[in-house]
N, C-alpha and C. Protein backbone atom coordinates (compact mmCIF):
# COMPACT_ATOMS: atom_id res chain seq x y z
N MET A 1 0.85 -1.20 0.00
CA MET A 1 0.00 0.00 0.00
C MET A 1 0.88 1.24 0.00
N GLU A 2 0.57 2.20 -0.84
CA GLU A 2 1.40 3.41 -1.01
C GLU A 2 1.23 4.32 0.19
N SER A 3 2.35 4.78 0.69
CA SER A 3 2.33 5.64 1.87
C SER A 3 1.79 7.01 1.52
N ASN A 4 1.33 7.70 2.59
CA ASN A 4 0.76 9.04 2.41
C ASN A 4 1.80 10.04 1.94
N SER A 5 3.07 9.85 2.39
CA SER A 5 4.14 10.78 1.99
C SER A 5 4.45 10.67 0.51
N ASP A 6 4.41 9.41 -0.03
CA ASP A 6 4.64 9.23 -1.46
C ASP A 6 3.53 9.85 -2.27
N THR A 7 2.29 9.75 -1.75
CA THR A 7 1.14 10.33 -2.46
C THR A 7 1.26 11.83 -2.54
N ASN A 8 1.73 12.45 -1.46
CA ASN A 8 1.84 13.92 -1.44
C ASN A 8 3.03 14.41 -2.26
N SER A 9 4.08 13.57 -2.39
CA SER A 9 5.29 14.03 -3.10
C SER A 9 5.11 14.06 -4.61
N LYS A 10 4.25 13.21 -5.17
CA LYS A 10 4.06 13.18 -6.62
C LYS A 10 3.51 14.50 -7.15
N PRO A 11 2.44 15.07 -6.56
CA PRO A 11 1.97 16.37 -7.05
C PRO A 11 3.03 17.46 -6.89
N THR A 12 3.81 17.33 -5.81
CA THR A 12 4.86 18.33 -5.58
C THR A 12 5.91 18.27 -6.68
N ARG A 13 6.33 17.02 -7.02
CA ARG A 13 7.32 16.86 -8.09
C ARG A 13 6.78 17.35 -9.42
N ARG A 14 5.50 17.03 -9.70
CA ARG A 14 4.91 17.52 -10.95
C ARG A 14 4.85 19.04 -10.97
N TYR A 15 4.57 19.63 -9.84
CA TYR A 15 4.50 21.09 -9.74
C TYR A 15 5.88 21.72 -10.01
N LEU A 16 6.91 21.10 -9.41
CA LEU A 16 8.27 21.62 -9.61
C LEU A 16 8.70 21.48 -11.07
N TRP A 17 8.44 20.30 -11.65
CA TRP A 17 8.79 20.11 -13.05
C TRP A 17 8.03 21.08 -13.96
N GLY A 18 6.78 21.31 -13.62
CA GLY A 18 5.98 22.26 -14.41
C GLY A 18 6.56 23.66 -14.35
N ASN A 19 6.98 24.06 -13.13
CA ASN A 19 7.60 25.38 -12.97
C ASN A 19 8.90 25.49 -13.76
N CYS A 20 9.71 24.44 -13.70
CA CYS A 20 10.99 24.45 -14.42
C CYS A 20 10.77 24.55 -15.92
N LEU A 21 9.84 23.74 -16.44
CA LEU A 21 9.55 23.80 -17.87
C LEU A 21 8.97 25.15 -18.27
N GLY A 22 8.13 25.72 -17.40
CA GLY A 22 7.56 27.03 -17.69
C GLY A 22 8.63 28.11 -17.74
N MET A 23 9.57 28.07 -16.77
CA MET A 23 10.65 29.07 -16.78
C MET A 23 11.56 28.90 -17.99
N LEU A 24 11.80 27.63 -18.36
CA LEU A 24 12.63 27.36 -19.54
C LEU A 24 11.97 27.90 -20.80
N ALA A 25 10.65 27.70 -20.90
CA ALA A 25 9.91 28.20 -22.07
C ALA A 25 9.94 29.72 -22.13
N VAL A 26 9.78 30.36 -20.96
CA VAL A 26 9.82 31.83 -20.93
C VAL A 26 11.20 32.35 -21.33
N ALA A 27 12.24 31.70 -20.80
CA ALA A 27 13.61 32.11 -21.13
C ALA A 27 13.88 31.95 -22.61
N LEU A 28 13.44 30.82 -23.19
CA LEU A 28 13.63 30.58 -24.61
C LEU A 28 12.87 31.60 -25.44
N PHE A 29 11.65 31.92 -25.01
CA PHE A 29 10.85 32.92 -25.71
C PHE A 29 11.54 34.29 -25.68
N LEU A 30 12.05 34.68 -24.52
CA LEU A 30 12.74 35.96 -24.40
C LEU A 30 14.00 36.00 -25.26
N LEU A 31 14.74 34.88 -25.30
CA LEU A 31 15.95 34.82 -26.10
C LEU A 31 15.64 34.98 -27.59
N ILE A 32 14.65 34.24 -28.05
CA ILE A 32 14.27 34.33 -29.48
C ILE A 32 13.75 35.73 -29.80
N GLY A 33 12.93 36.28 -28.88
CA GLY A 33 12.40 37.62 -29.11
C GLY A 33 13.49 38.67 -29.16
N THR A 34 14.50 38.53 -28.28
CA THR A 34 15.61 39.48 -28.28
C THR A 34 16.41 39.40 -29.57
N MET A 35 16.66 38.19 -30.06
CA MET A 35 17.42 38.01 -31.30
C MET A 35 16.66 38.60 -32.48
N ILE A 36 15.35 38.39 -32.51
CA ILE A 36 14.55 38.95 -33.60
C ILE A 36 14.56 40.47 -33.55
N PHE A 37 14.45 41.02 -32.33
CA PHE A 37 14.46 42.47 -32.17
C PHE A 37 15.79 43.07 -32.62
N LEU A 38 16.90 42.44 -32.18
CA LEU A 38 18.22 42.96 -32.56
C LEU A 38 18.44 42.86 -34.07
N ARG A 39 17.97 41.79 -34.65
CA ARG A 39 18.11 41.62 -36.10
C ARG A 39 17.35 42.72 -36.84
N PHE A 40 16.15 43.02 -36.34
CA PHE A 40 15.35 44.07 -36.97
C PHE A 40 15.95 45.44 -36.70
N TYR A 41 16.39 45.68 -35.47
CA TYR A 41 16.88 47.01 -35.08
C TYR A 41 18.20 47.35 -35.77
N THR A 42 19.10 46.38 -35.88
CA THR A 42 20.41 46.64 -36.48
C THR A 42 20.46 46.32 -37.97
N HIS A 43 19.35 45.83 -38.53
CA HIS A 43 19.30 45.44 -39.95
C HIS A 43 20.42 44.45 -40.26
N HIS A 44 20.56 43.46 -39.38
CA HIS A 44 21.65 42.50 -39.50
C HIS A 44 21.62 41.81 -40.86
N GLY A 45 22.76 41.84 -41.55
CA GLY A 45 22.88 41.16 -42.83
C GLY A 45 22.23 41.89 -43.99
N GLU A 46 21.58 43.02 -43.74
CA GLU A 46 20.90 43.74 -44.82
C GLU A 46 21.83 44.77 -45.43
N GLU A 47 22.05 44.69 -46.71
CA GLU A 47 22.91 45.64 -47.42
C GLU A 47 22.13 46.26 -48.58
N VAL A 48 22.52 47.48 -48.91
CA VAL A 48 21.89 48.18 -50.03
C VAL A 48 22.98 48.79 -50.90
N ASP A 49 22.63 49.09 -52.14
CA ASP A 49 23.55 49.77 -53.06
C ASP A 49 23.35 51.27 -52.94
N VAL A 50 24.45 52.00 -52.83
CA VAL A 50 24.37 53.46 -52.75
C VAL A 50 24.10 54.01 -54.14
N PRO A 51 23.02 54.78 -54.31
CA PRO A 51 22.72 55.34 -55.63
C PRO A 51 23.59 56.55 -55.95
N GLU A 52 23.68 56.89 -57.22
CA GLU A 52 24.41 58.07 -57.67
C GLU A 52 23.51 59.30 -57.51
N VAL A 53 23.97 60.30 -56.75
CA VAL A 53 23.17 61.50 -56.53
C VAL A 53 23.93 62.78 -56.89
N CYS A 54 25.18 62.67 -57.28
CA CYS A 54 25.94 63.87 -57.66
C CYS A 54 25.27 64.54 -58.86
N GLY A 55 25.14 65.87 -58.78
CA GLY A 55 24.49 66.63 -59.85
C GLY A 55 23.01 66.87 -59.60
N GLN A 56 22.42 66.12 -58.68
CA GLN A 56 21.00 66.30 -58.38
C GLN A 56 20.82 67.34 -57.28
N GLN A 57 19.63 67.93 -57.22
CA GLN A 57 19.33 68.88 -56.16
C GLN A 57 19.35 68.16 -54.80
N ALA A 58 19.77 68.89 -53.77
CA ALA A 58 19.97 68.28 -52.45
C ALA A 58 18.72 67.57 -51.94
N ASP A 59 17.54 68.22 -52.06
CA ASP A 59 16.33 67.60 -51.54
C ASP A 59 15.96 66.33 -52.30
N VAL A 60 16.19 66.35 -53.62
CA VAL A 60 15.93 65.16 -54.44
C VAL A 60 16.90 64.05 -54.07
N ALA A 61 18.17 64.41 -53.89
CA ALA A 61 19.20 63.43 -53.55
C ALA A 61 18.91 62.77 -52.20
N ILE A 62 18.48 63.57 -51.22
CA ILE A 62 18.19 63.03 -49.90
C ILE A 62 17.02 62.05 -49.97
N ARG A 63 15.97 62.41 -50.71
CA ARG A 63 14.82 61.51 -50.85
C ARG A 63 15.22 60.21 -51.54
N LYS A 64 16.09 60.32 -52.53
CA LYS A 64 16.53 59.13 -53.27
C LYS A 64 17.34 58.20 -52.37
N LEU A 65 18.22 58.78 -51.56
CA LEU A 65 19.03 57.97 -50.65
C LEU A 65 18.16 57.31 -49.56
N GLU A 66 17.20 58.06 -49.05
CA GLU A 66 16.31 57.51 -48.03
C GLU A 66 15.43 56.40 -48.61
N ALA A 67 15.01 56.57 -49.86
CA ALA A 67 14.20 55.53 -50.50
C ALA A 67 15.00 54.24 -50.69
N ALA A 68 16.32 54.38 -50.79
CA ALA A 68 17.19 53.21 -50.95
C ALA A 68 17.53 52.56 -49.61
N GLY A 69 17.01 53.14 -48.51
CA GLY A 69 17.27 52.56 -47.20
C GLY A 69 18.45 53.17 -46.47
N LEU A 70 18.87 54.36 -46.91
CA LEU A 70 20.01 55.04 -46.30
C LEU A 70 19.55 56.32 -45.63
N ARG A 71 20.47 56.96 -44.92
CA ARG A 71 20.22 58.28 -44.37
C ARG A 71 21.15 59.26 -45.07
N ALA A 72 20.76 60.53 -45.12
CA ALA A 72 21.56 61.53 -45.84
C ALA A 72 21.53 62.85 -45.09
N GLU A 73 22.65 63.57 -45.22
CA GLU A 73 22.76 64.86 -44.54
C GLU A 73 23.74 65.74 -45.30
N VAL A 74 23.40 67.01 -45.47
CA VAL A 74 24.30 67.97 -46.11
C VAL A 74 25.37 68.37 -45.09
N ARG A 75 26.64 68.12 -45.43
CA ARG A 75 27.73 68.38 -44.50
C ARG A 75 28.52 69.63 -44.86
N ASP A 76 28.63 69.94 -46.16
CA ASP A 76 29.49 71.05 -46.55
C ASP A 76 29.00 71.63 -47.88
N THR A 77 29.53 72.79 -48.23
CA THR A 77 29.21 73.42 -49.51
C THR A 77 30.50 73.79 -50.24
N GLY A 78 30.42 73.79 -51.53
CA GLY A 78 31.52 74.24 -52.38
C GLY A 78 30.96 75.20 -53.42
N TYR A 79 31.76 75.49 -54.42
CA TYR A 79 31.24 76.35 -55.48
C TYR A 79 31.87 75.94 -56.80
N VAL A 80 31.02 75.62 -57.76
CA VAL A 80 31.43 75.31 -59.12
C VAL A 80 30.60 76.17 -60.06
N ALA A 81 31.27 77.09 -60.76
CA ALA A 81 30.57 77.99 -61.67
C ALA A 81 29.84 77.19 -62.75
N GLY A 82 28.61 77.60 -63.03
CA GLY A 82 27.83 76.93 -64.07
C GLY A 82 26.92 75.84 -63.55
N LYS A 83 27.16 75.39 -62.32
CA LYS A 83 26.28 74.38 -61.73
C LYS A 83 25.24 75.08 -60.86
N PRO A 84 24.02 74.57 -60.83
CA PRO A 84 22.95 75.22 -60.05
C PRO A 84 23.21 75.17 -58.56
N ALA A 85 22.64 76.15 -57.86
CA ALA A 85 22.75 76.17 -56.40
C ALA A 85 22.07 74.93 -55.82
N ASP A 86 22.63 74.40 -54.75
CA ASP A 86 22.12 73.23 -54.03
C ASP A 86 22.33 71.92 -54.78
N ALA A 87 23.01 71.94 -55.90
CA ALA A 87 23.31 70.69 -56.60
C ALA A 87 24.40 69.95 -55.82
N VAL A 88 24.28 68.63 -55.76
CA VAL A 88 25.26 67.82 -55.02
C VAL A 88 26.57 67.75 -55.81
N LEU A 89 27.65 68.17 -55.15
CA LEU A 89 28.97 68.12 -55.77
C LEU A 89 29.70 66.83 -55.42
N GLU A 90 29.45 66.32 -54.24
CA GLU A 90 30.18 65.14 -53.77
C GLU A 90 29.35 64.38 -52.75
N GLN A 91 29.43 63.06 -52.79
CA GLN A 91 28.78 62.21 -51.80
C GLN A 91 29.87 61.41 -51.10
N SER A 92 29.73 61.24 -49.77
CA SER A 92 30.80 60.65 -48.98
C SER A 92 31.03 59.18 -49.29
N ILE A 93 30.01 58.48 -49.79
CA ILE A 93 30.15 57.07 -50.16
C ILE A 93 29.90 56.96 -51.66
N GLU A 94 30.85 56.39 -52.35
CA GLU A 94 30.78 56.30 -53.81
C GLU A 94 29.57 55.49 -54.27
N ALA A 95 28.97 55.94 -55.36
CA ALA A 95 27.81 55.24 -55.92
C ALA A 95 28.17 53.81 -56.30
N GLY A 96 27.24 52.88 -56.02
CA GLY A 96 27.45 51.48 -56.34
C GLY A 96 28.07 50.68 -55.21
N THR A 97 28.48 51.37 -54.13
CA THR A 97 29.08 50.68 -52.99
C THR A 97 28.00 49.94 -52.20
N HIS A 98 28.30 48.71 -51.77
CA HIS A 98 27.37 47.94 -50.93
C HIS A 98 27.62 48.32 -49.48
N VAL A 99 26.62 48.83 -48.81
CA VAL A 99 26.76 49.25 -47.41
C VAL A 99 25.57 48.74 -46.60
N LYS A 100 25.72 48.81 -45.29
CA LYS A 100 24.66 48.41 -44.39
C LYS A 100 23.51 49.40 -44.48
N ALA A 101 22.29 48.91 -44.38
CA ALA A 101 21.11 49.78 -44.40
C ALA A 101 21.19 50.80 -43.27
N GLN A 102 20.64 51.98 -43.53
CA GLN A 102 20.62 53.10 -42.58
C GLN A 102 21.98 53.76 -42.41
N ARG A 103 22.94 53.46 -43.28
CA ARG A 103 24.25 54.12 -43.25
C ARG A 103 24.07 55.58 -43.62
N MET A 104 24.81 56.46 -42.97
CA MET A 104 24.73 57.89 -43.25
C MET A 104 25.60 58.25 -44.45
N VAL A 105 25.03 59.00 -45.38
CA VAL A 105 25.77 59.51 -46.53
C VAL A 105 25.81 61.04 -46.42
N TYR A 106 27.00 61.60 -46.38
CA TYR A 106 27.16 63.05 -46.26
C TYR A 106 27.32 63.66 -47.65
N LEU A 107 26.66 64.79 -47.85
CA LEU A 107 26.65 65.45 -49.15
C LEU A 107 27.34 66.81 -49.08
N THR A 108 28.06 67.13 -50.16
CA THR A 108 28.60 68.48 -50.35
C THR A 108 27.83 69.10 -51.50
N ILE A 109 27.23 70.27 -51.26
CA ILE A 109 26.37 70.88 -52.28
C ILE A 109 26.98 72.19 -52.79
N ASN A 110 26.48 72.61 -53.93
CA ASN A 110 26.99 73.82 -54.58
C ASN A 110 26.38 75.08 -53.96
N SER A 111 27.24 76.05 -53.66
CA SER A 111 26.77 77.32 -53.13
C SER A 111 26.26 78.20 -54.27
N ALA A 112 25.33 79.10 -53.94
CA ALA A 112 24.78 79.99 -54.97
C ALA A 112 25.80 81.02 -55.44
N THR A 113 26.71 81.40 -54.56
CA THR A 113 27.74 82.40 -54.90
C THR A 113 29.09 81.93 -54.38
N PRO A 114 30.18 82.44 -54.97
CA PRO A 114 31.51 82.08 -54.45
C PRO A 114 31.63 82.50 -52.99
N ARG A 115 32.33 81.72 -52.23
CA ARG A 115 32.49 82.03 -50.82
C ARG A 115 33.82 81.50 -50.33
N LEU A 116 34.13 81.87 -49.09
CA LEU A 116 35.32 81.33 -48.46
C LEU A 116 35.01 79.93 -47.95
N ILE A 117 35.92 79.01 -48.22
CA ILE A 117 35.74 77.62 -47.83
C ILE A 117 36.82 77.23 -46.85
N LEU A 118 36.45 76.48 -45.83
CA LEU A 118 37.45 75.94 -44.91
C LEU A 118 38.27 74.92 -45.68
N PHE A 119 39.56 75.20 -45.82
CA PHE A 119 40.40 74.35 -46.65
C PHE A 119 40.54 72.97 -46.02
N PRO A 120 40.39 71.91 -46.84
CA PRO A 120 40.47 70.54 -46.29
C PRO A 120 41.90 70.15 -45.93
N ASP A 121 42.02 69.03 -45.22
CA ASP A 121 43.32 68.53 -44.78
C ASP A 121 43.97 67.80 -45.94
N ILE A 122 44.81 68.51 -46.67
CA ILE A 122 45.43 67.97 -47.88
C ILE A 122 46.91 67.70 -47.69
N ALA A 123 47.66 68.71 -47.22
CA ALA A 123 49.11 68.62 -47.14
C ALA A 123 49.56 67.47 -46.25
N ASP A 124 50.47 66.65 -46.79
CA ASP A 124 51.05 65.52 -46.05
C ASP A 124 49.99 64.55 -45.56
N ASN A 125 48.89 64.46 -46.33
CA ASN A 125 47.80 63.59 -45.91
C ASN A 125 47.21 62.77 -47.05
N CYS A 126 47.61 63.06 -48.28
CA CYS A 126 47.05 62.30 -49.39
C CYS A 126 47.93 62.41 -50.63
N SER A 127 47.60 61.60 -51.62
CA SER A 127 48.33 61.62 -52.88
C SER A 127 47.82 62.75 -53.77
N ALA A 128 48.55 62.99 -54.86
CA ALA A 128 48.15 64.04 -55.80
C ALA A 128 46.77 63.76 -56.38
N ARG A 129 46.50 62.51 -56.71
CA ARG A 129 45.21 62.16 -57.30
C ARG A 129 44.07 62.42 -56.32
N GLU A 130 44.26 62.02 -55.07
CA GLU A 130 43.22 62.25 -54.06
C GLU A 130 43.00 63.74 -53.82
N ALA A 131 44.11 64.51 -53.77
CA ALA A 131 44.01 65.95 -53.54
C ALA A 131 43.28 66.63 -54.68
N GLU A 132 43.62 66.28 -55.91
CA GLU A 132 42.96 66.88 -57.07
C GLU A 132 41.47 66.58 -57.06
N PHE A 133 41.11 65.35 -56.72
CA PHE A 133 39.70 64.96 -56.68
C PHE A 133 38.94 65.80 -55.66
N LYS A 134 39.48 65.91 -54.45
CA LYS A 134 38.82 66.67 -53.40
C LYS A 134 38.69 68.15 -53.76
N LEU A 135 39.78 68.74 -54.24
CA LEU A 135 39.78 70.17 -54.52
C LEU A 135 38.88 70.53 -55.70
N LYS A 136 38.90 69.71 -56.73
CA LYS A 136 38.05 69.99 -57.90
C LYS A 136 36.58 69.84 -57.55
N ASN A 137 36.26 68.88 -56.70
CA ASN A 137 34.87 68.72 -56.29
C ASN A 137 34.38 69.89 -55.45
N LEU A 138 35.30 70.56 -54.78
CA LEU A 138 34.95 71.75 -54.00
C LEU A 138 34.93 73.00 -54.87
N GLY A 139 35.36 72.87 -56.13
CA GLY A 139 35.29 74.00 -57.05
C GLY A 139 36.60 74.73 -57.27
N PHE A 140 37.68 74.27 -56.67
CA PHE A 140 38.97 74.94 -56.84
C PHE A 140 39.57 74.64 -58.21
N LYS A 141 40.32 75.61 -58.71
CA LYS A 141 41.08 75.44 -59.94
C LYS A 141 42.53 75.20 -59.57
N LEU A 142 43.17 74.25 -60.25
CA LEU A 142 44.54 73.87 -59.94
C LEU A 142 45.51 74.38 -61.00
N THR A 143 46.61 74.93 -60.55
CA THR A 143 47.69 75.33 -61.44
C THR A 143 48.67 74.16 -61.59
N PRO A 144 49.61 74.24 -62.53
CA PRO A 144 50.61 73.17 -62.63
C PRO A 144 51.35 73.00 -61.30
N PRO A 145 51.61 71.79 -60.87
CA PRO A 145 52.21 71.55 -59.56
C PRO A 145 53.69 71.94 -59.51
N GLU A 146 54.16 72.18 -58.31
CA GLU A 146 55.59 72.35 -58.06
C GLU A 146 56.13 71.03 -57.53
N TYR A 147 57.44 70.80 -57.73
CA TYR A 147 58.03 69.54 -57.29
C TYR A 147 59.22 69.78 -56.37
N ILE A 148 59.33 68.93 -55.35
CA ILE A 148 60.46 68.94 -54.45
C ILE A 148 60.93 67.50 -54.27
N THR A 149 62.09 67.31 -53.68
CA THR A 149 62.59 65.97 -53.42
C THR A 149 61.69 65.27 -52.41
N GLY A 150 61.21 64.07 -52.75
CA GLY A 150 60.32 63.34 -51.86
C GLY A 150 59.64 62.20 -52.57
N ASP A 151 58.72 61.56 -51.87
CA ASP A 151 57.98 60.43 -52.44
C ASP A 151 57.16 60.91 -53.64
N GLU A 152 57.16 60.10 -54.67
CA GLU A 152 56.52 60.49 -55.93
C GLU A 152 55.03 60.74 -55.76
N ASP A 153 54.58 61.92 -56.22
CA ASP A 153 53.18 62.32 -56.25
C ASP A 153 52.54 62.40 -54.86
N TRP A 154 53.34 62.53 -53.82
CA TRP A 154 52.81 62.77 -52.48
C TRP A 154 52.71 64.27 -52.25
N VAL A 155 51.60 64.74 -51.70
CA VAL A 155 51.39 66.16 -51.48
C VAL A 155 52.10 66.59 -50.20
N TYR A 156 53.14 67.41 -50.35
CA TYR A 156 53.88 67.90 -49.19
C TYR A 156 53.40 69.26 -48.71
N ALA A 157 52.81 70.04 -49.60
CA ALA A 157 52.30 71.36 -49.22
C ALA A 157 51.31 71.82 -50.27
N VAL A 158 50.52 72.82 -49.92
CA VAL A 158 49.55 73.43 -50.84
C VAL A 158 49.73 74.94 -50.76
N LYS A 159 49.79 75.59 -51.92
CA LYS A 159 50.01 77.03 -51.97
C LYS A 159 48.89 77.73 -52.73
N ALA A 160 48.68 79.00 -52.36
CA ALA A 160 47.71 79.84 -53.08
C ALA A 160 48.08 81.29 -52.83
N GLY A 161 48.22 82.05 -53.89
CA GLY A 161 48.52 83.47 -53.76
C GLY A 161 49.80 83.75 -53.01
N GLY A 162 50.79 82.89 -53.16
CA GLY A 162 52.07 83.12 -52.52
C GLY A 162 52.15 82.67 -51.07
N ARG A 163 51.12 82.07 -50.52
CA ARG A 163 51.16 81.61 -49.14
C ARG A 163 50.88 80.11 -49.08
N THR A 164 51.39 79.48 -48.05
CA THR A 164 51.17 78.06 -47.83
C THR A 164 49.88 77.85 -47.04
N LEU A 165 49.03 76.99 -47.55
CA LEU A 165 47.72 76.76 -46.92
C LEU A 165 47.79 75.58 -45.97
N SER A 166 46.98 75.64 -44.93
CA SER A 166 46.85 74.52 -44.00
C SER A 166 45.38 74.25 -43.76
N ALA A 167 45.08 73.09 -43.23
CA ALA A 167 43.69 72.68 -42.99
C ALA A 167 42.99 73.67 -42.06
N GLY A 168 41.77 74.05 -42.43
CA GLY A 168 40.98 74.95 -41.60
C GLY A 168 41.06 76.41 -41.99
N MET A 169 42.02 76.77 -42.87
CA MET A 169 42.10 78.16 -43.33
C MET A 169 40.94 78.47 -44.27
N LYS A 170 40.47 79.71 -44.24
CA LYS A 170 39.41 80.12 -45.15
C LYS A 170 40.02 80.63 -46.45
N VAL A 171 39.61 79.99 -47.54
CA VAL A 171 40.18 80.29 -48.85
C VAL A 171 39.06 80.51 -49.85
N SER A 172 39.21 81.52 -50.68
CA SER A 172 38.22 81.77 -51.73
C SER A 172 38.27 80.63 -52.74
N VAL A 173 37.11 80.17 -53.13
CA VAL A 173 37.04 79.07 -54.08
C VAL A 173 37.57 79.51 -55.45
N LEU A 174 37.65 80.82 -55.67
CA LEU A 174 38.17 81.32 -56.94
C LEU A 174 39.69 81.45 -56.94
N GLN A 175 40.33 81.17 -55.80
CA GLN A 175 41.78 81.28 -55.68
C GLN A 175 42.45 80.06 -56.30
N PRO A 176 43.31 80.24 -57.30
CA PRO A 176 44.02 79.08 -57.89
C PRO A 176 44.90 78.39 -56.85
N ILE A 177 44.93 77.07 -56.91
CA ILE A 177 45.65 76.26 -55.94
C ILE A 177 46.82 75.55 -56.61
N THR A 178 47.96 75.56 -55.93
CA THR A 178 49.15 74.87 -56.44
C THR A 178 49.56 73.79 -55.45
N LEU A 179 49.68 72.56 -55.94
CA LEU A 179 50.12 71.44 -55.12
C LEU A 179 51.64 71.32 -55.20
N VAL A 180 52.27 71.11 -54.06
CA VAL A 180 53.71 70.87 -54.00
C VAL A 180 53.89 69.36 -53.81
N LEU A 181 54.42 68.69 -54.85
CA LEU A 181 54.48 67.23 -54.88
C LEU A 181 55.92 66.73 -54.80
N GLY A 182 56.06 65.50 -54.35
CA GLY A 182 57.35 64.83 -54.38
C GLY A 182 57.69 64.39 -55.79
N ASP A 183 58.98 64.46 -56.14
CA ASP A 183 59.40 64.12 -57.51
C ASP A 183 59.83 62.67 -57.66
N GLY A 184 59.76 61.91 -56.57
CA GLY A 184 60.13 60.50 -56.66
C GLY A 184 61.60 60.23 -56.44
N LYS A 185 62.38 61.27 -56.24
CA LYS A 185 63.81 61.12 -56.00
C LYS A 185 64.05 61.05 -54.49
N THR A 186 65.12 60.37 -54.10
CA THR A 186 65.46 60.26 -52.69
C THR A 186 66.71 61.06 -52.38
N GLN A 187 66.82 61.46 -51.14
CA GLN A 187 67.98 62.22 -50.70
C GLN A 187 68.68 61.40 -49.63
N ASP A 188 69.87 60.88 -49.95
CA ASP A 188 70.56 59.96 -49.06
C ASP A 188 71.24 60.65 -47.88
N GLU A 189 71.67 61.88 -48.08
CA GLU A 189 72.39 62.57 -47.02
C GLU A 189 71.44 63.13 -45.98
N PHE A 190 71.98 63.37 -44.76
CA PHE A 190 71.18 63.98 -43.71
C PHE A 190 70.85 65.40 -44.11
N ASN A 191 69.59 65.78 -43.94
CA ASN A 191 69.21 67.15 -44.27
C ASN A 191 68.64 67.90 -43.09
N GLY A 192 68.53 67.23 -41.93
CA GLY A 192 68.04 67.91 -40.73
C GLY A 192 66.53 68.03 -40.67
N ASN A 193 65.83 67.66 -41.76
CA ASN A 193 64.38 67.78 -41.77
C ASN A 193 63.69 66.46 -41.50
N ASP A 194 64.39 65.38 -41.71
CA ASP A 194 63.80 64.07 -41.52
C ASP A 194 63.86 63.69 -40.05
N THR A 195 62.76 63.14 -39.54
CA THR A 195 62.68 62.81 -38.12
C THR A 195 63.74 61.81 -37.71
N LEU A 196 63.95 60.77 -38.53
CA LEU A 196 64.96 59.77 -38.20
C LEU A 196 66.36 60.37 -38.21
N ASP A 197 66.64 61.25 -39.19
CA ASP A 197 67.94 61.93 -39.22
C ASP A 197 68.14 62.74 -37.96
N TYR A 198 67.11 63.42 -37.55
CA TYR A 198 67.20 64.28 -36.37
C TYR A 198 67.52 63.45 -35.12
N LEU A 199 66.78 62.35 -34.94
CA LEU A 199 67.01 61.51 -33.77
C LEU A 199 68.40 60.89 -33.80
N TYR A 200 68.85 60.45 -34.97
CA TYR A 200 70.16 59.84 -35.09
C TYR A 200 71.26 60.84 -34.78
N PHE A 201 71.12 62.05 -35.30
CA PHE A 201 72.12 63.09 -35.10
C PHE A 201 72.26 63.43 -33.62
N HIS A 202 71.12 63.58 -32.95
CA HIS A 202 71.17 63.94 -31.54
C HIS A 202 71.65 62.79 -30.67
N LYS A 203 71.38 61.56 -31.09
CA LYS A 203 71.89 60.41 -30.35
C LYS A 203 73.40 60.38 -30.41
N GLU A 204 73.97 60.68 -31.58
CA GLU A 204 75.41 60.69 -31.74
C GLU A 204 76.04 61.75 -30.85
N ARG A 205 75.39 62.90 -30.75
CA ARG A 205 75.95 63.98 -29.95
C ARG A 205 75.96 63.66 -28.46
N GLU A 206 75.02 62.78 -28.03
CA GLU A 206 74.90 62.46 -26.62
C GLU A 206 75.88 61.38 -26.18
N LEU A 207 76.63 60.74 -27.10
CA LEU A 207 77.57 59.71 -26.72
C LEU A 207 78.71 60.30 -25.92
N PRO A 208 79.26 59.59 -24.91
CA PRO A 208 80.38 60.11 -24.11
C PRO A 208 81.60 60.38 -24.97
N ASP A 209 82.38 61.38 -24.61
CA ASP A 209 83.57 61.76 -25.38
C ASP A 209 84.63 60.68 -25.36
N SER A 210 84.57 59.83 -24.30
CA SER A 210 85.61 58.81 -24.15
C SER A 210 85.46 57.67 -25.13
N LEU A 211 84.26 57.57 -25.73
CA LEU A 211 84.04 56.46 -26.68
C LEU A 211 84.57 56.80 -28.06
């Protein structure tokens, strides 16, 4: 004959197992729900093609980018004579690039009149090709480059109107720009301008006289 304690323990065990299974189901549900939410929120695995918007009016370009699943914002202005005001001169992500949905695309648009532009970071930061692309898109006209000893086609300085330009200076878009490029030749002797030469020279001077 089954004891009273065994009779009472069976419902208790069933109750405990029921609670455990219920908690497991809730945890599994929350886990799946969280994964679905994160997938939707971050657009996991979803990519879109960036459309071409250069030359289009800013409002049209923004609507086109948003329709493609991207975000867009006007970041800067330039000036190119003959192009309409508010026309897009440059987009931060090249057309045809595969990017994650909701990626921000920054636009540079054409100003209605010539103005002073904050000069971009060009000197000692990019090649001649990159510098020409950036400056022409901002509306600057380039003169024939000057050459100095250095890495071939590397931009060592930028000049305009007899002065050397640096990033952040205000420059008229109508001011002709001259790039100072490396000629591809090397200079083997110490010239005092190279960081390694400088450190080596000073290290030699610090050696004891007795050596």
